[in-house]
N, C-alpha and C. Protein backbone atom coordinates (compact mmCIF):
# COMPACT_ATOMS: atom_id res chain seq x y z
N MET A 1 -31.14 -78.92 68.57
CA MET A 1 -31.82 -79.19 69.83
C MET A 1 -31.28 -79.24 70.91
N ILE A 2 -31.10 -78.94 71.62
CA ILE A 2 -30.57 -79.64 73.17
C ILE A 2 -31.26 -80.62 74.10
N ARG A 3 -31.50 -81.75 74.45
CA ARG A 3 -31.33 -82.65 75.36
C ARG A 3 -30.59 -83.51 76.45
N GLY A 4 -30.64 -83.01 77.69
CA GLY A 4 -29.30 -83.59 78.12
C GLY A 4 -28.49 -82.58 77.72
N ARG A 5 -28.45 -81.79 77.44
CA ARG A 5 -26.95 -80.69 76.95
C ARG A 5 -26.47 -81.35 75.74
N ARG A 6 -27.45 -82.17 74.90
CA ARG A 6 -26.61 -82.73 73.54
C ARG A 6 -27.25 -82.00 72.39
N VAL A 7 -26.67 -81.92 71.62
CA VAL A 7 -27.17 -81.48 69.95
C VAL A 7 -26.98 -82.54 69.25
N LEU A 8 -28.31 -82.71 68.48
CA LEU A 8 -29.44 -83.49 68.16
C LEU A 8 -28.56 -83.50 66.39
N LEU A 9 -27.85 -84.26 66.09
CA LEU A 9 -27.25 -84.56 64.33
C LEU A 9 -27.72 -85.42 63.91
N PRO A 10 -27.85 -85.26 62.20
CA PRO A 10 -27.17 -84.03 61.68
C PRO A 10 -27.46 -82.67 61.47
N ASN A 11 -26.57 -81.42 61.26
CA ASN A 11 -27.31 -80.39 61.10
C ASN A 11 -26.49 -79.48 60.03
N ILE A 12 -27.15 -78.81 59.17
CA ILE A 12 -26.47 -77.81 58.47
C ILE A 12 -26.66 -76.74 58.52
N VAL A 13 -25.07 -76.67 57.78
CA VAL A 13 -24.14 -75.19 58.12
C VAL A 13 -23.90 -74.24 56.88
N LYS A 14 -24.52 -73.36 57.50
CA LYS A 14 -23.77 -72.19 56.51
C LYS A 14 -22.40 -71.00 57.05
N SER A 15 -22.04 -71.37 56.16
CA SER A 15 -21.01 -69.98 56.42
C SER A 15 -19.53 -69.37 55.96
N THR A 16 -19.57 -68.04 56.29
CA THR A 16 -18.63 -67.48 55.34
C THR A 16 -17.41 -67.41 56.36
N ASN A 17 -16.19 -67.68 55.68
CA ASN A 17 -15.70 -67.92 56.17
C ASN A 17 -13.74 -66.98 55.30
N THR A 18 -12.85 -66.36 56.56
CA THR A 18 -11.93 -65.87 56.03
C THR A 18 -10.60 -67.11 56.84
N THR A 19 -9.57 -67.05 56.15
CA THR A 19 -8.35 -68.11 56.52
C THR A 19 -7.32 -67.76 56.60
N PHE A 20 -6.16 -67.28 57.65
CA PHE A 20 -5.27 -66.26 57.51
C PHE A 20 -3.86 -67.72 57.34
N SER A 21 -3.06 -67.56 57.24
CA SER A 21 -1.94 -68.58 56.79
C SER A 21 -1.30 -67.45 58.00
N CYS A 22 -0.67 -68.51 58.63
CA CYS A 22 0.47 -67.94 59.95
C CYS A 22 1.11 -68.33 60.31
N HIS A 23 2.83 -67.78 60.71
CA HIS A 23 3.94 -68.18 60.36
C HIS A 23 4.58 -67.05 61.49
N VAL A 24 4.47 -68.44 62.36
CA VAL A 24 5.53 -68.58 63.96
C VAL A 24 7.05 -67.42 63.30
N GLN A 25 7.38 -66.56 64.13
CA GLN A 25 8.40 -65.64 63.78
C GLN A 25 9.76 -65.97 64.12
N ASP A 26 9.36 -67.08 65.38
CA ASP A 26 11.06 -68.01 65.71
C ASP A 26 11.06 -68.99 66.47
N GLY A 27 11.30 -69.89 66.15
CA GLY A 27 11.27 -71.24 66.62
C GLY A 27 9.44 -71.66 66.37
N LEU A 28 9.22 -73.33 66.93
CA LEU A 28 8.68 -74.14 67.06
C LEU A 28 7.21 -73.21 68.29
N VAL A 29 5.89 -73.80 67.95
CA VAL A 29 4.43 -73.67 69.07
C VAL A 29 4.65 -75.41 69.02
N ASP A 30 4.04 -75.78 70.20
CA ASP A 30 3.38 -77.32 70.56
C ASP A 30 2.35 -76.91 70.87
N PHE A 31 1.36 -77.02 69.31
CA PHE A 31 0.19 -76.83 69.96
C PHE A 31 -0.96 -77.48 70.05
N GLU A 32 -0.29 -79.06 70.63
CA GLU A 32 -0.54 -79.93 71.83
C GLU A 32 -1.15 -79.41 72.92
N GLN A 33 0.10 -78.26 73.30
CA GLN A 33 -0.47 -77.67 74.58
C GLN A 33 -1.69 -76.76 74.68
N LEU A 34 -1.62 -76.39 73.68
CA LEU A 34 -3.71 -75.58 73.37
C LEU A 34 -4.65 -76.30 73.03
N SER A 35 -4.69 -77.20 73.52
CA SER A 35 -5.98 -78.41 73.71
C SER A 35 -5.73 -79.33 74.95
N ASP A 36 -6.96 -78.76 75.46
CA ASP A 36 -7.20 -79.39 77.17
C ASP A 36 -7.80 -80.84 76.32
N LEU A 37 -8.40 -81.38 75.31
CA LEU A 37 -8.72 -82.78 75.54
C LEU A 37 -7.80 -83.65 74.49
N SER A 38 -7.95 -84.78 74.71
CA SER A 38 -6.68 -86.13 73.81
C SER A 38 -6.64 -85.41 72.79
N THR A 39 -5.35 -85.82 72.03
CA THR A 39 -5.15 -85.47 70.75
C THR A 39 -5.19 -86.73 70.46
N PRO A 40 -4.93 -87.01 68.77
CA PRO A 40 -5.01 -88.23 68.55
C PRO A 40 -3.38 -89.02 68.66
N ASP A 41 -3.49 -89.64 69.03
CA ASP A 41 -2.22 -90.53 68.90
C ASP A 41 -1.41 -90.49 67.31
N ASP A 42 -2.17 -90.44 66.60
CA ASP A 42 -1.46 -90.22 65.09
C ASP A 42 -0.18 -89.03 64.49
N CYS A 43 -1.16 -87.62 65.50
CA CYS A 43 -0.57 -86.43 65.72
C CYS A 43 0.13 -85.60 66.70
N ALA A 44 0.25 -86.58 67.25
CA ALA A 44 0.94 -85.84 69.01
C ALA A 44 2.46 -85.69 67.81
N GLN A 45 3.10 -86.04 67.37
CA GLN A 45 4.45 -86.03 66.72
C GLN A 45 4.43 -85.04 65.79
N GLN A 46 3.48 -84.32 65.24
CA GLN A 46 3.46 -83.41 64.13
C GLN A 46 2.21 -81.72 64.57
N LEU A 47 2.51 -81.76 66.25
CA LEU A 47 2.40 -80.43 66.58
C LEU A 47 2.97 -79.79 66.53
N SER A 48 4.53 -79.55 66.72
CA SER A 48 5.22 -78.56 66.90
C SER A 48 5.43 -78.05 65.67
N VAL A 49 4.85 -77.10 65.51
CA VAL A 49 5.31 -76.51 63.91
C VAL A 49 5.61 -75.27 63.90
N ASP A 50 6.03 -74.37 63.10
CA ASP A 50 6.00 -72.94 62.77
C ASP A 50 5.12 -72.33 61.50
N HIS A 51 4.20 -72.87 61.47
CA HIS A 51 3.11 -72.65 60.14
C HIS A 51 2.12 -73.21 60.81
N PHE A 52 0.66 -72.40 60.68
CA PHE A 52 -0.66 -73.05 60.76
C PHE A 52 -1.64 -71.34 60.31
N PHE A 53 -3.00 -72.31 60.11
CA PHE A 53 -3.83 -71.51 59.55
C PHE A 53 -4.93 -70.90 61.27
N VAL A 54 -5.28 -70.12 60.92
CA VAL A 54 -6.94 -69.52 61.64
C VAL A 54 -7.67 -69.18 60.68
N THR A 55 -8.96 -69.41 61.19
CA THR A 55 -10.49 -69.06 60.13
C THR A 55 -11.03 -68.53 61.26
N PHE A 56 -11.47 -67.31 60.74
CA PHE A 56 -12.77 -66.55 61.00
C PHE A 56 -13.58 -67.29 60.26
N SER A 57 -15.13 -67.84 61.20
CA SER A 57 -16.53 -67.97 60.50
C SER A 57 -17.59 -67.25 61.27
N THR A 58 -18.27 -66.78 59.97
CA THR A 58 -19.88 -66.38 60.33
C THR A 58 -20.56 -67.28 59.81
N VAL A 59 -21.30 -68.06 61.57
CA VAL A 59 -21.97 -69.77 60.74
C VAL A 59 -23.31 -69.09 60.81
N SER A 60 -24.36 -70.18 59.97
CA SER A 60 -25.67 -70.05 60.55
C SER A 60 -26.01 -71.66 60.45
N SER A 61 -26.29 -72.16 61.74
CA SER A 61 -26.70 -73.57 61.50
C SER A 61 -27.99 -74.18 62.27
N ASN A 62 -28.84 -75.16 61.55
CA ASN A 62 -29.81 -75.19 62.38
C ASN A 62 -29.92 -76.32 63.45
N PHE A 63 -29.55 -76.47 64.93
CA PHE A 63 -29.33 -77.27 65.89
C PHE A 63 -30.72 -78.09 66.34
N ASN A 64 -31.63 -78.31 65.44
CA ASN A 64 -32.77 -78.96 65.75
C ASN A 64 -33.94 -79.51 64.83
N GLY A 65 -33.11 -79.13 63.04
CA GLY A 65 -33.42 -79.60 62.21
C GLY A 65 -35.03 -78.34 61.57
N VAL A 66 -34.83 -77.55 61.82
CA VAL A 66 -35.87 -76.27 61.87
C VAL A 66 -35.62 -74.99 62.09
N ASP A 67 -35.16 -74.72 62.88
CA ASP A 67 -34.86 -73.34 63.29
C ASP A 67 -33.32 -73.27 62.95
N TYR A 68 -32.38 -72.31 62.39
CA TYR A 68 -31.56 -71.58 62.48
C TYR A 68 -30.79 -70.82 63.91
N VAL A 69 -29.51 -71.10 63.74
CA VAL A 69 -29.48 -70.61 64.70
C VAL A 69 -27.51 -69.07 64.58
N ASP A 70 -27.77 -67.58 64.70
CA ASP A 70 -26.55 -67.67 63.63
C ASP A 70 -24.97 -67.45 64.81
N TYR A 71 -24.41 -67.69 64.57
CA TYR A 71 -22.68 -67.62 65.22
C TYR A 71 -21.51 -67.31 64.98
N ASN A 72 -20.70 -66.87 65.88
CA ASN A 72 -18.99 -66.50 64.84
C ASN A 72 -18.24 -67.47 65.71
N GLU A 73 -16.63 -68.03 64.85
CA GLU A 73 -16.28 -68.76 65.33
C GLU A 73 -14.38 -68.39 65.44
N VAL A 74 -13.52 -68.57 66.12
CA VAL A 74 -12.48 -68.59 65.41
C VAL A 74 -11.71 -69.81 65.60
N ILE A 75 -11.23 -70.68 64.76
CA ILE A 75 -10.71 -72.27 64.84
C ILE A 75 -8.87 -71.43 64.38
N ILE A 76 -8.43 -72.41 65.29
CA ILE A 76 -7.05 -72.60 64.84
C ILE A 76 -7.08 -74.06 64.47
N LYS A 77 -6.18 -74.04 63.14
CA LYS A 77 -5.98 -75.10 62.44
C LYS A 77 -4.32 -75.50 62.37
N VAL A 78 -4.04 -76.72 62.82
CA VAL A 78 -2.56 -77.23 61.97
C VAL A 78 -2.76 -78.36 61.09
N PRO A 79 -2.39 -78.50 59.96
CA PRO A 79 -2.33 -79.17 59.18
C PRO A 79 -1.51 -80.41 59.63
N VAL A 80 -1.76 -81.84 59.27
CA VAL A 80 -1.05 -83.05 59.55
C VAL A 80 -1.77 -84.46 58.93
N ILE A 81 -1.08 -85.54 58.99
CA ILE A 81 -1.21 -86.44 57.79
C ILE A 81 -1.48 -87.79 58.75
N VAL A 82 -2.80 -88.81 58.95
CA VAL A 82 -3.28 -89.42 59.47
C VAL A 82 -3.23 -90.71 58.51
N ALA A 83 -2.94 -91.34 58.22
CA ALA A 83 -3.25 -92.46 57.45
C ALA A 83 -3.27 -92.29 56.42
N ASP A 84 -1.99 -91.66 55.59
CA ASP A 84 -1.58 -91.32 54.42
C ASP A 84 -2.18 -90.48 53.95
N ARG A 85 -3.41 -89.56 54.59
CA ARG A 85 -3.87 -88.82 54.32
C ARG A 85 -4.31 -87.23 54.79
N PRO A 86 -4.12 -85.86 53.94
CA PRO A 86 -4.01 -84.90 54.79
C PRO A 86 -5.42 -84.50 55.67
N PHE A 87 -5.33 -83.98 57.01
CA PHE A 87 -6.19 -83.50 57.38
C PHE A 87 -5.63 -82.26 58.43
N ILE A 88 -7.05 -81.41 58.44
CA ILE A 88 -6.36 -80.82 59.51
C ILE A 88 -6.46 -80.98 61.41
N PHE A 89 -5.68 -81.02 62.35
CA PHE A 89 -6.19 -80.81 63.41
C PHE A 89 -6.47 -78.99 64.46
N PRO A 90 -7.57 -79.34 64.89
CA PRO A 90 -7.93 -77.58 65.09
C PRO A 90 -7.49 -78.33 67.04
N PRO A 91 -6.51 -77.77 67.26
CA PRO A 91 -6.14 -77.57 69.06
C PRO A 91 -7.23 -77.05 70.21
N ARG A 92 -7.30 -75.49 69.42
CA ARG A 92 -8.39 -74.77 70.21
C ARG A 92 -9.58 -73.88 69.24
N THR A 93 -10.50 -73.68 69.39
CA THR A 93 -11.50 -73.63 68.60
C THR A 93 -12.46 -72.22 69.91
N TYR A 94 -12.47 -71.20 68.82
CA TYR A 94 -12.85 -69.90 70.09
C TYR A 94 -14.96 -69.80 69.07
N VAL A 95 -16.06 -69.88 70.50
CA VAL A 95 -17.42 -69.76 69.81
C VAL A 95 -18.06 -68.81 70.56
N ASP A 96 -18.84 -68.16 70.28
CA ASP A 96 -19.62 -66.67 71.17
C ASP A 96 -21.37 -67.48 71.03
N ASN A 97 -21.25 -68.55 70.86
CA ASN A 97 -22.91 -69.13 71.28
C ASN A 97 -22.50 -70.53 72.06
N GLU A 98 -23.39 -70.53 72.75
CA GLU A 98 -23.86 -71.97 74.15
C GLU A 98 -24.19 -73.28 73.03
N LEU A 99 -24.97 -73.09 71.94
CA LEU A 99 -25.50 -74.22 71.40
C LEU A 99 -24.25 -75.25 70.36
N SER A 100 -23.41 -73.99 69.30
CA SER A 100 -21.96 -74.84 68.88
C SER A 100 -21.21 -74.73 69.99
N LEU A 101 -20.83 -74.09 71.38
CA LEU A 101 -19.70 -74.77 72.30
C LEU A 101 -20.23 -76.69 72.92
N VAL A 102 -21.83 -76.55 73.30
CA VAL A 102 -21.97 -77.94 73.50
C VAL A 102 -22.12 -79.27 72.19
N ARG A 103 -22.03 -78.67 71.15
CA ARG A 103 -22.41 -79.63 70.15
C ARG A 103 -20.14 -79.75 69.81
N GLY A 104 -19.39 -79.26 70.04
CA GLY A 104 -18.16 -78.91 69.63
C GLY A 104 -17.94 -79.95 70.67
N TYR A 105 -17.75 -80.14 71.91
CA TYR A 105 -17.57 -80.90 72.82
C TYR A 105 -18.02 -82.45 72.65
N GLN A 106 -19.39 -82.47 72.23
CA GLN A 106 -19.64 -83.33 71.56
C GLN A 106 -18.59 -84.46 70.69
N LEU A 107 -18.63 -83.58 69.52
CA LEU A 107 -17.70 -84.15 68.56
C LEU A 107 -16.08 -84.19 68.51
N GLY A 108 -15.43 -83.59 69.77
CA GLY A 108 -14.33 -83.39 70.26
C GLY A 108 -13.34 -82.46 69.63
N PHE A 109 -13.93 -81.57 69.81
CA PHE A 109 -13.74 -79.92 69.60
C PHE A 109 -13.05 -79.09 70.88
N ASN A 110 -12.26 -79.07 71.23
CA ASN A 110 -12.12 -77.72 72.30
C ASN A 110 -12.46 -76.36 72.44
N LYS A 111 -13.41 -76.15 72.81
CA LYS A 111 -14.08 -75.37 72.25
C LYS A 111 -13.97 -74.18 73.64
N TYR A 112 -13.67 -73.03 73.17
CA TYR A 112 -14.00 -71.67 74.15
C TYR A 112 -15.03 -70.66 74.25
N MET A 113 -15.80 -70.07 75.06
CA MET A 113 -16.56 -69.19 74.87
C MET A 113 -15.58 -68.06 74.66
N ALA A 114 -15.93 -67.30 73.76
CA ALA A 114 -14.81 -66.21 73.14
C ALA A 114 -15.41 -65.24 73.04
N VAL A 115 -15.60 -63.37 72.94
CA VAL A 115 -16.32 -62.54 72.07
C VAL A 115 -15.53 -62.38 70.33
N VAL A 116 -16.29 -62.82 69.35
CA VAL A 116 -15.64 -62.58 68.12
C VAL A 116 -15.98 -61.62 67.25
N ASP A 117 -14.81 -60.48 67.30
CA ASP A 117 -15.90 -59.38 66.75
C ASP A 117 -15.62 -59.68 65.00
N LYS A 118 -16.66 -59.50 64.56
CA LYS A 118 -16.78 -59.15 63.09
C LYS A 118 -15.84 -58.24 62.31
N PHE A 119 -15.78 -58.67 61.12
CA PHE A 119 -14.86 -57.91 59.85
C PHE A 119 -15.02 -56.54 60.07
N VAL A 120 -14.39 -55.28 60.20
CA VAL A 120 -14.43 -54.32 59.78
C VAL A 120 -14.08 -53.56 58.43
N GLU A 121 -14.55 -53.35 57.21
CA GLU A 121 -14.34 -53.84 55.87
C GLU A 121 -12.99 -54.78 55.85
N ASP A 122 -12.19 -54.82 55.71
CA ASP A 122 -10.73 -55.41 55.37
C ASP A 122 -10.27 -56.01 57.01
N ARG A 123 -10.42 -55.44 58.14
CA ARG A 123 -9.72 -56.02 59.16
C ARG A 123 -10.39 -56.56 60.12
N VAL A 124 -9.42 -57.52 60.78
CA VAL A 124 -10.42 -57.91 61.57
C VAL A 124 -9.55 -57.93 62.96
N THR A 125 -10.06 -57.73 64.62
CA THR A 125 -8.79 -58.52 65.79
C THR A 125 -9.28 -59.49 65.98
N PHE A 126 -9.13 -60.43 66.90
CA PHE A 126 -9.21 -61.02 67.81
C PHE A 126 -8.48 -61.51 69.35
N ASP A 127 -8.98 -61.08 70.43
CA ASP A 127 -8.02 -61.42 71.27
C ASP A 127 -9.10 -62.70 72.24
N GLY A 128 -8.33 -63.52 72.22
CA GLY A 128 -8.71 -64.64 73.52
C GLY A 128 -7.98 -65.39 74.03
N ILE A 129 -8.22 -66.58 74.87
CA ILE A 129 -7.08 -67.26 75.95
C ILE A 129 -6.03 -68.04 75.32
N GLY A 130 -5.09 -67.64 74.87
CA GLY A 130 -4.15 -68.46 74.02
C GLY A 130 -3.73 -67.67 72.63
N LEU A 131 -4.46 -66.94 72.10
CA LEU A 131 -4.77 -66.49 70.40
C LEU A 131 -5.18 -65.15 70.52
N GLN A 132 -4.20 -64.39 69.97
CA GLN A 132 -4.18 -63.22 69.76
C GLN A 132 -4.03 -62.74 68.11
N LEU A 133 -5.36 -62.12 67.40
CA LEU A 133 -4.46 -61.74 66.12
C LEU A 133 -5.31 -60.50 65.99
N ALA A 134 -4.64 -59.50 64.83
CA ALA A 134 -4.66 -58.44 64.19
C ALA A 134 -4.36 -58.57 62.71
N ALA A 135 -5.31 -58.19 61.44
CA ALA A 135 -4.92 -58.90 60.12
C ALA A 135 -5.76 -57.64 59.62
N THR A 136 -5.32 -57.72 58.37
CA THR A 136 -5.82 -57.23 57.04
C THR A 136 -6.00 -57.85 56.01
N VAL A 137 -7.22 -57.94 55.10
CA VAL A 137 -6.87 -58.24 53.94
C VAL A 137 -6.82 -58.09 52.66
N HIS A 138 -6.11 -58.42 51.57
CA HIS A 138 -6.24 -57.39 50.38
C HIS A 138 -6.66 -57.94 49.47
N SER A 139 -7.67 -58.20 49.17
CA SER A 139 -8.66 -59.04 48.46
C SER A 139 -8.18 -58.55 46.92
N ASP A 140 -7.20 -57.52 46.63
CA ASP A 140 -6.53 -57.04 45.16
C ASP A 140 -5.59 -57.49 44.57
N GLU A 141 -4.76 -57.98 45.65
CA GLU A 141 -3.71 -59.41 45.36
C GLU A 141 -3.94 -60.58 45.56
N PRO A 142 -3.87 -60.97 44.22
CA PRO A 142 -4.14 -62.59 44.16
C PRO A 142 -2.81 -62.95 44.56
N MET A 143 -2.42 -64.35 45.00
CA MET A 143 -1.51 -64.82 45.40
C MET A 143 -1.46 -66.56 44.67
N GLU A 144 -0.01 -67.06 44.31
CA GLU A 144 -0.28 -68.54 43.88
C GLU A 144 0.12 -69.23 45.21
N GLU A 145 -0.99 -70.23 44.88
CA GLU A 145 -1.18 -71.46 45.83
C GLU A 145 0.15 -72.52 45.96
N THR A 146 1.31 -72.18 47.13
CA THR A 146 1.39 -73.28 47.18
C THR A 146 1.53 -74.44 47.87
N ALA A 147 2.31 -75.55 48.23
CA ALA A 147 1.35 -76.67 48.86
C ALA A 147 1.68 -76.31 50.06
N GLU A 148 2.35 -75.29 50.54
CA GLU A 148 2.07 -74.76 52.27
C GLU A 148 0.44 -74.60 52.45
N LEU A 149 0.01 -73.38 51.53
CA LEU A 149 -1.06 -72.84 51.95
C LEU A 149 -2.22 -74.18 51.56
N ALA A 150 -1.65 -75.18 50.28
CA ALA A 150 -3.26 -76.09 49.91
C ALA A 150 -2.88 -76.71 51.39
N ALA A 151 -2.38 -76.57 52.44
CA ALA A 151 -2.81 -77.83 53.34
C ALA A 151 -3.93 -77.29 54.64
N ALA A 152 -4.40 -75.98 54.29
CA ALA A 152 -5.44 -75.44 54.56
C ALA A 152 -6.83 -75.98 54.34
N THR A 153 -6.40 -77.05 53.41
CA THR A 153 -8.34 -77.84 53.09
C THR A 153 -8.72 -78.94 53.26
N GLY A 154 -7.86 -79.70 53.84
CA GLY A 154 -7.67 -81.05 54.84
C GLY A 154 -8.80 -80.91 55.63
N GLY A 155 -10.02 -82.17 55.57
CA GLY A 155 -11.20 -82.12 56.53
C GLY A 155 -10.20 -82.21 58.02
N PHE A 156 -11.59 -82.17 58.89
CA PHE A 156 -11.00 -82.16 60.71
C PHE A 156 -10.70 -83.67 60.94
N VAL A 157 -9.57 -83.58 61.76
CA VAL A 157 -9.31 -84.85 62.75
C VAL A 157 -9.42 -84.06 64.13
N LEU A 158 -10.36 -85.44 64.71
CA LEU A 158 -10.59 -85.21 66.36
C LEU A 158 -10.00 -86.79 66.89
N SER A 159 -10.19 -86.04 68.55
CA SER A 159 -9.89 -87.72 69.20
C SER A 159 -10.79 -88.02 70.14
N ASP A 160 -10.69 -89.75 70.20
CA ASP A 160 -11.69 -89.90 71.04
C ASP A 160 -10.51 -90.98 71.90
N ASP A 161 -10.09 -90.55 72.94
CA ASP A 161 -9.31 -90.80 74.13
C ASP A 161 -7.99 -91.35 73.20
N GLY A 162 -7.62 -90.80 72.32
CA GLY A 162 -6.12 -90.98 71.69
C GLY A 162 -6.63 -91.40 70.41
N ALA A 163 -7.57 -92.28 70.19
CA ALA A 163 -7.87 -92.71 68.08
C ALA A 163 -8.15 -91.38 67.80
N ALA A 164 -7.93 -91.74 66.46
CA ALA A 164 -8.17 -90.70 65.39
C ALA A 164 -9.81 -90.71 64.84
N MET A 165 -10.14 -89.75 65.08
CA MET A 165 -11.77 -89.78 64.13
C MET A 165 -11.49 -88.92 63.54
N GLY A 166 -12.53 -88.71 61.91
CA GLY A 166 -12.17 -88.20 61.45
C GLY A 166 -13.99 -86.93 61.33
N LEU A 167 -13.76 -86.37 61.20
CA LEU A 167 -15.38 -85.54 61.26
C LEU A 167 -16.05 -85.49 59.34
N VAL A 168 -17.24 -86.53 59.76
CA VAL A 168 -18.19 -86.84 58.88
C VAL A 168 -18.60 -85.26 58.36
N VAL A 169 -18.55 -84.84 57.15
CA VAL A 169 -19.44 -84.01 56.54
C VAL A 169 -20.13 -84.33 55.16
N SER A 170 -21.44 -84.01 54.70
CA SER A 170 -21.67 -84.67 53.85
C SER A 170 -22.40 -83.28 52.77
N ASP A 171 -22.98 -83.38 51.43
CA ASP A 171 -23.11 -82.65 50.93
C ASP A 171 -22.77 -80.90 50.45
N TYR A 172 -21.77 -81.37 50.88
CA TYR A 172 -20.62 -80.28 50.69
C TYR A 172 -20.70 -79.42 49.25
N ARG A 173 -20.61 -78.21 49.77
CA ARG A 173 -20.94 -77.10 48.42
C ARG A 173 -19.74 -75.80 48.62
N GLN A 174 -19.18 -75.77 48.03
CA GLN A 174 -18.24 -74.23 48.21
C GLN A 174 -18.66 -73.42 46.90
N ASN A 175 -19.32 -72.17 47.76
CA ASN A 175 -19.85 -71.41 47.01
C ASN A 175 -19.61 -69.97 45.87
N THR A 176 -18.34 -69.80 47.15
CA THR A 176 -17.68 -68.60 46.68
C THR A 176 -16.14 -69.08 47.28
N ASP A 177 -15.38 -68.31 46.23
CA ASP A 177 -13.62 -68.55 46.85
C ASP A 177 -12.71 -67.77 46.08
N THR A 178 -12.26 -66.96 46.96
CA THR A 178 -11.10 -65.78 46.37
C THR A 178 -9.88 -66.51 46.15
N GLY A 179 -9.48 -67.57 46.18
CA GLY A 179 -8.35 -68.09 46.33
C GLY A 179 -7.36 -67.26 47.32
N TRP A 180 -5.88 -67.83 46.93
CA TRP A 180 -5.34 -67.02 48.36
C TRP A 180 -5.09 -65.51 47.96
N VAL A 181 -5.24 -64.32 48.78
CA VAL A 181 -4.64 -63.38 48.32
C VAL A 181 -4.21 -62.79 49.31
N GLY A 182 -3.08 -61.56 49.32
CA GLY A 182 -2.67 -60.69 50.57
C GLY A 182 -3.25 -60.79 51.38
N ALA A 183 -1.98 -60.79 52.90
CA ALA A 183 -2.92 -60.20 53.78
C ALA A 183 -1.73 -59.68 54.52
N ASP A 184 -1.58 -58.29 55.62
CA ASP A 184 -0.71 -58.21 56.74
C ASP A 184 -1.26 -58.31 58.25
N GLY A 185 -0.41 -58.55 58.61
CA GLY A 185 -0.79 -58.38 60.66
C GLY A 185 -0.13 -59.61 60.93
N GLY A 186 -0.55 -59.49 62.41
CA GLY A 186 -0.01 -60.90 63.14
C GLY A 186 -0.60 -60.71 64.58
N GLY A 187 0.13 -61.43 65.25
CA GLY A 187 -0.35 -61.83 66.88
C GLY A 187 0.44 -63.17 67.50
N ALA A 188 -0.53 -62.95 68.35
CA ALA A 188 0.41 -64.55 69.42
C ALA A 188 -0.50 -65.05 69.46
N VAL A 189 0.10 -66.70 69.93
CA VAL A 189 -0.41 -67.91 70.14
C VAL A 189 0.61 -68.79 71.32
N SER A 190 -0.19 -68.60 72.40
CA SER A 190 0.97 -69.43 73.25
C SER A 190 1.59 -68.45 73.73
N GLY A 191 1.90 -67.15 73.70
CA GLY A 191 2.75 -66.31 73.96
C GLY A 191 3.61 -66.37 72.81
N ARG A 192 3.45 -66.49 71.97
CA ARG A 192 4.47 -66.51 70.82
C ARG A 192 4.18 -65.76 69.79
N SER A 193 4.96 -65.25 69.17
CA SER A 193 4.84 -64.26 68.31
C SER A 193 4.63 -64.37 66.80
N PHE A 194 3.15 -64.09 65.85
CA PHE A 194 3.79 -64.91 64.81
C PHE A 194 2.82 -63.74 63.69
N ASP A 195 3.59 -63.82 62.41
CA ASP A 195 2.83 -62.96 61.45
C ASP A 195 2.22 -63.64 60.18
N VAL A 196 0.70 -62.44 60.10
CA VAL A 196 0.38 -63.04 58.97
C VAL A 196 0.67 -63.01 57.46
N LYS A 197 0.34 -64.05 56.32
CA LYS A 197 0.95 -63.40 55.17
C LYS A 197 -0.10 -63.53 54.08
N ALA A 198 -1.29 -64.06 54.39
CA ALA A 198 -1.87 -64.64 52.96
C ALA A 198 -3.54 -64.93 53.76
N ALA A 199 -4.31 -64.96 53.19
CA ALA A 199 -5.89 -65.06 53.37
C ALA A 199 -6.65 -65.30 52.17
N ARG A 200 -7.65 -66.08 52.41
CA ARG A 200 -8.28 -66.84 51.52
C ARG A 200 -10.08 -66.40 52.14
N LEU A 201 -11.37 -66.02 51.39
CA LEU A 201 -11.92 -65.85 51.52
C LEU A 201 -13.37 -66.90 50.98
N THR A 202 -13.77 -67.86 51.95
CA THR A 202 -14.65 -68.60 51.22
C THR A 202 -16.21 -68.83 51.55
N THR A 203 -17.06 -69.30 50.67
CA THR A 203 -18.20 -69.04 51.62
C THR A 203 -18.82 -70.68 50.90
N ASP A 204 -19.84 -71.91 51.88
CA ASP A 204 -19.87 -73.04 51.78
C ASP A 204 -21.28 -73.35 52.23
N HIS A 205 -21.44 -74.51 52.38
CA HIS A 205 -22.97 -75.57 52.91
C HIS A 205 -23.06 -76.70 53.26
N PHE A 206 -22.90 -77.36 54.11
CA PHE A 206 -22.32 -78.80 54.43
C PHE A 206 -23.77 -79.59 55.69
N VAL A 207 -23.89 -80.56 55.49
CA VAL A 207 -24.46 -81.17 56.71
C VAL A 207 -23.82 -82.02 57.47
N LEU A 208 -23.48 -81.62 58.43
CA LEU A 208 -22.35 -82.20 59.74
C LEU A 208 -23.19 -83.03 60.43
N HIS A 209 -22.10 -84.40 60.50
CA HIS A 209 -22.44 -85.75 61.45
C HIS A 209 -21.32 -86.27 62.18
N ARG A 210 -21.65 -86.69 63.01
CA ARG A 210 -20.86 -87.20 63.65
C ARG A 210 -19.46 -87.86 63.56
N ALA A 211 -18.72 -87.66 64.23
CA ALA A 211 -17.12 -88.29 63.48
C ALA A 211 -16.54 -89.89 63.88
N THR A 212 -16.09 -90.40 62.87
CA THR A 212 -15.87 -91.95 62.92
C THR A 212 -14.21 -92.40 62.74
N ALA A 213 -14.35 -92.93 63.13
CA ALA A 213 -13.11 -93.59 63.54
C ALA A 213 -12.10 -93.94 61.66
N LEU A 214 -11.37 -93.41 61.86
CA LEU A 214 -10.40 -93.54 60.58
C LEU A 214 -9.57 -95.00 60.26
């Protein structure tokens, strides 16, 4: 429910996700420059990297405790360490639904409205402000999970005027998980080219709450 342009929490979220592992072709990208909001002080020195993740999600969420709204989103994810724990910092998120946009700003996500294309068979393309991507998933090519790939599973860390805030979820259930599989393609982030190296397909269900101080 939106009251005065605010979404009432908690909300139930169900999502189908494809996460791509991406490698910058030459040098580092400073992902702090992609965020129009403040970044956690503890993360500032960890956001110039050559490896990151991009997750495409088809989401169904209840915004008023009763009715569900379907939308699509794309999240850029940068692994960081805060308070000796692994987290994901999302410098920019793209959504095609106003309710998700409003909720995202409440929680501390830097969200943009965008057209988010769905997968056609195993291929997806995206063209947003600051991120372009075209990739194909090869579900019949299982890959071993490395430490680098395992970093995709941390919870979200957000910022409240520089203070690190952990996004709180409860009743989390991962219903399906392919593990990491082959993928190919690439794109550009902040004008820098990158390659897609792997993908992971999951479905999950959780209850979304407000972020709290770490």
